[in-house]
C-alpha atoms as a PDB file:
ATOM      1  CA  MET A   1      -0.029  -0.150  -0.089  1.00  0.00           C
ATOM      2  CA  GLY A   2       0.819   3.869  -0.303  1.00  0.00           C
ATOM      3  CA  LYS A   3      -0.225   4.843  -3.568  1.00  0.00           C
ATOM      4  CA  VAL A   4      -3.869   5.499  -5.265  1.00  0.00           C
ATOM      5  CA  PRO A   5      -4.657   1.816  -7.273  1.00  0.00           C
ATOM      6  CA  THR A   6      -5.800   1.511 -10.774  1.00  0.00           C
ATOM      7  CA  PRO A   7      -8.117   1.261 -11.435  1.00  0.00           C
ATOM      8  CA  LEU A   8      -9.752   3.324  -8.847  1.00  0.00           C
ATOM      9  CA  PRO A   9     -12.334   1.405  -6.703  1.00  0.00           C
ATOM     10  CA  ILE A  10     -16.219   1.803  -7.605  1.00  0.00           C
ATOM     11  CA  ARG A  11     -19.661   1.637  -5.812  1.00  0.00           C
ATOM     12  CA  GLY A  12     -20.256  -2.145  -5.115  1.00  0.00           C
ATOM     13  CA  GLU A  13     -16.852  -3.314  -5.172  1.00  0.00           C
ATOM     14  CA  ILE A  14     -14.820  -5.459  -2.432  1.00  0.00           C
ATOM     15  CA  TRP A  15     -11.413  -4.714  -1.613  1.00  0.00           C
ATOM     16  CA  SER A  16      -8.542  -4.799   0.886  1.00  0.00           C
ATOM     17  CA  VAL A  17      -8.127  -1.774   3.061  1.00  0.00           C
ATOM     18  CA  ASN A  18      -5.537  -1.175   5.515  1.00  0.00           C
ATOM     19  CA  PHE A  19      -7.446   0.340   8.494  1.00  0.00           C
ATOM     20  CA  ASP A  20      -4.498   1.219  10.721  1.00  0.00           C
ATOM     21  CA  PRO A  21      -4.074   2.930  12.416  1.00  0.00           C
ATOM     22  CA  SER A  22      -7.340   2.580  14.265  1.00  0.00           C
ATOM     23  CA  VAL A  23      -8.041   3.835  18.222  1.00  0.00           C
ATOM     24  CA  GLY A  24      -9.849   2.437  20.150  1.00  0.00           C
ATOM     25  CA  SER A  25     -12.806   0.242  19.148  1.00  0.00           C
ATOM     26  CA  GLU A  26     -12.430   0.979  15.505  1.00  0.00           C
ATOM     27  CA  ILE A  27     -12.348  -1.258  12.811  1.00  0.00           C
ATOM     28  CA  GLN A  28      -8.450  -2.564  12.748  1.00  0.00           C
ATOM     29  CA  LYS A  29      -5.768  -4.264  10.419  1.00  0.00           C
ATOM     30  CA  LEU A  30      -5.947  -4.916   6.581  1.00  0.00           C
ATOM     31  CA  ARG A  31      -9.403  -6.385   5.834  1.00  0.00           C
ATOM     32  CA  PRO A  32     -11.847  -6.660   3.179  1.00  0.00           C
ATOM     33  CA  ALA A  33     -14.284  -3.217   2.998  1.00  0.00           C
ATOM     34  CA  LEU A  34     -16.954  -2.945   0.401  1.00  0.00           C
ATOM     35  CA  VAL A  35     -17.406   0.594  -1.659  1.00  0.00           C
ATOM     36  CA  ILE A  36     -20.583   2.086  -1.009  1.00  0.00           C
ATOM     37  CA  SER A  37     -19.891   5.907  -1.841  1.00  0.00           C
ATOM     38  CA  VAL A  38     -21.612   6.766  -4.942  1.00  0.00           C
ATOM     39  CA  ASP A  39     -19.042   6.965  -7.877  1.00  0.00           C
ATOM     40  CA  SER A  40     -19.490  10.876  -8.931  1.00  0.00           C
ATOM     41  CA  VAL A  41     -20.101  12.681  -5.191  1.00  0.00           C
ATOM     42  CA  GLY A  42     -17.075  13.874  -3.373  1.00  0.00           C
ATOM     43  CA  ARG A  43     -14.128  16.088  -4.824  1.00  0.00           C
ATOM     44  CA  LEU A  44     -11.364  14.382  -1.868  1.00  0.00           C
ATOM     45  CA  PRO A  45      -9.473  11.282  -2.996  1.00  0.00           C
ATOM     46  CA  LEU A  46     -11.491   9.283  -0.713  1.00  0.00           C
ATOM     47  CA  ARG A  47     -14.466   6.452  -0.767  1.00  0.00           C
ATOM     48  CA  MET A  48     -16.861   5.673   1.793  1.00  0.00           C
ATOM     49  CA  VAL A  49     -16.920   2.348   2.845  1.00  0.00           C
ATOM     50  CA  VAL A  50     -18.225  -0.624   5.023  1.00  0.00           C
ATOM     51  CA  PRO A  51     -15.524  -3.108   6.422  1.00  0.00           C
ATOM     52  CA  VAL A  52     -16.546  -6.722   6.200  1.00  0.00           C
ATOM     53  CA  THR A  53     -15.630  -9.131   9.098  1.00  0.00           C
ATOM     54  CA  ASP A  54     -16.478 -12.692   9.720  1.00  0.00           C
ATOM     55  CA  TRP A  55     -20.109 -13.896   9.638  1.00  0.00           C
ATOM     56  CA  LYS A  56     -21.040 -15.247  13.163  1.00  0.00           C
ATOM     57  CA  PRO A  57     -24.894 -16.617  13.484  1.00  0.00           C
ATOM     58  CA  GLN A  58     -25.444 -14.635  16.253  1.00  0.00           C
ATOM     59  CA  TYR A  59     -25.277 -11.372  14.113  1.00  0.00           C
ATOM     60  CA  ALA A  60     -28.735 -12.585  12.353  1.00  0.00           C
ATOM     61  CA  SER A  61     -30.285 -10.324  14.941  1.00  0.00           C
ATOM     62  CA  PHE A  62     -28.371  -7.443  14.218  1.00  0.00           C
ATOM     63  CA  PRO A  63     -29.932  -5.313  11.680  1.00  0.00           C
ATOM     64  CA  TRP A  64     -26.415  -3.072  10.716  1.00  0.00           C
ATOM     65  CA  LEU A  65     -24.464  -6.613   9.706  1.00  0.00           C
ATOM     66  CA  VAL A  66     -25.631  -8.159   6.252  1.00  0.00           C
ATOM     67  CA  PRO A  67     -25.060 -11.344   5.348  1.00  0.00           C
ATOM     68  CA  ILE A  68     -22.712 -12.200   2.406  1.00  0.00           C
ATOM     69  CA  VAL A  69     -22.377 -15.528   1.502  1.00  0.00           C
ATOM     70  CA  VAL A  70     -18.478 -16.775  -0.075  1.00  0.00           C
ATOM     71  CA  ASN A  71     -18.906 -16.911  -3.844  1.00  0.00           C
ATOM     72  CA  SER A  72     -17.047 -16.318  -6.693  1.00  0.00           C
ATOM     73  CA  LEU A  73     -18.535 -12.801  -7.607  1.00  0.00           C
ATOM     74  CA  ASN A  74     -17.646 -11.368  -4.412  1.00  0.00           C
ATOM     75  CA  GLY A  75     -14.246 -13.531  -3.801  1.00  0.00           C
ATOM     76  CA  LEU A  76     -14.626 -13.515   0.000  1.00  0.00           C
ATOM     77  CA  LEU A  77     -12.675 -16.292   1.570  1.00  0.00           C
ATOM     78  CA  LYS A  78     -15.573 -17.069   4.207  1.00  0.00           C
ATOM     79  CA  ASP A  79     -19.218 -15.959   4.547  1.00  0.00           C
ATOM     80  CA  SER A  80     -19.031 -12.796   6.175  1.00  0.00           C
ATOM     81  CA  GLY A  81     -20.843  -9.416   6.939  1.00  0.00           C
ATOM     82  CA  PRO A  82     -20.538  -5.557   6.068  1.00  0.00           C
ATOM     83  CA  ASP A  83     -20.785  -3.824   9.361  1.00  0.00           C
ATOM     84  CA  ALA A  84     -22.990  -0.934   8.585  1.00  0.00           C
ATOM     85  CA  PHE A  85     -22.196   0.877  12.306  1.00  0.00           C
ATOM     86  CA  GLN A  86     -18.401   1.099  11.025  1.00  0.00           C
ATOM     87  CA  THR A  87     -19.110   3.038   7.547  1.00  0.00           C
ATOM     88  CA  LYS A  88     -16.191   5.872   7.085  1.00  0.00           C
ATOM     89  CA  SER A  89     -14.413   7.688   4.692  1.00  0.00           C
ATOM     90  CA  VAL A  90     -11.287   6.124   4.107  1.00  0.00           C
ATOM     91  CA  SER A  91      -8.295   7.412   1.553  1.00  0.00           C
ATOM     92  CA  LEU A  92      -7.690   6.274  -1.945  1.00  0.00           C
ATOM     93  CA  ILE A  93      -3.990   5.071  -0.171  1.00  0.00           C
ATOM     94  CA  ARG A  94      -5.547   3.114   2.292  1.00  0.00           C
ATOM     95  CA  PHE A  95      -6.922   0.551  -0.208  1.00  0.00           C
ATOM     96  CA  GLY A  96      -4.573  -2.578  -1.594  1.00  0.00           C
ATOM     97  CA  ARG A  97      -6.080  -5.158  -4.263  1.00  0.00           C
ATOM     98  CA  ARG A  98      -9.615  -5.512  -5.612  1.00  0.00           C
ATOM     99  CA  ILE A  99     -11.245  -8.483  -3.855  1.00  0.00           C
ATOM    100  CA  GLY A 100     -14.461  -8.954  -5.683  1.00  0.00           C
ATOM    101  CA  ARG A 101     -17.851  -7.151  -5.624  1.00  0.00           C
ATOM    102  CA  VAL A 102     -21.271  -7.709  -4.251  1.00  0.00           C
ATOM    103  CA  THR A 103     -24.850  -7.609  -6.421  1.00  0.00           C
ATOM    104  CA  ALA A 104     -27.296  -4.674  -6.235  1.00  0.00           C
ATOM    105  CA  PRO A 105     -29.640  -6.010  -4.489  1.00  0.00           C
ATOM    106  CA  GLN A 106     -26.664  -6.769  -1.437  1.00  0.00           C
ATOM    107  CA  LEU A 107     -25.551  -3.726  -2.406  1.00  0.00           C
ATOM    108  CA  ASP A 108     -28.900  -1.848  -1.393  1.00  0.00           C
ATOM    109  CA  GLU A 109     -29.804  -3.879   1.636  1.00  0.00           C
ATOM    110  CA  VAL A 110     -26.135  -2.403   2.785  1.00  0.00           C
ATOM    111  CA  ALA A 111     -26.883   1.112   2.324  1.00  0.00           C
ATOM    112  CA  SER A 112     -30.242   0.741   3.946  1.00  0.00           C
ATOM    113  CA  ALA A 113     -28.276  -0.911   7.078  1.00  0.00           C
ATOM    114  CA  VAL A 114     -26.208   2.335   6.534  1.00  0.00           C
ATOM    115  CA  ALA A 115     -29.163   4.437   6.668  1.00  0.00           C
ATOM    116  CA  LEU A 116     -30.574   2.474   9.611  1.00  0.00           C
ATOM    117  CA  CYS A 117     -27.293   3.486  11.865  1.00  0.00           C
ATOM    118  CA  VAL A 118     -27.990   7.313  10.857  1.00  0.00           C
ATOM    119  CA  GLY A 119     -31.648   7.523  11.105  1.00  0.00           C
ATOM    120  CA  LYS A 120     -32.851   7.867   8.186  1.00  0.00           C
ATOM    121  CA  THR A 121     -35.575   5.012   7.598  1.00  0.00           C
END
């Protein structure tokens, strides 16, 4: 990491993102993240992302976590879940490699989870 990736990350793609350094309970380390920002919005070299974590059965009761089953499209190594409560803007320099992408309905579900977290229903 250390330079802007080419091609640039776009909405709906999953990329490896380096979240360190982090503070307190913020998401940490190199991990997958789903790009949710609209490609035409923003003027800074940033993308809004939702970090992806390993799926655990108890997460099914948390509406801010969206299950993503591993498949060849998303490129994940195990069943996972974007954690909408940890949504953040990150520099393009934090992006590593493109892992895969989610389907349009999955992206809509994650966007709805983010809206839930900020009080928009």
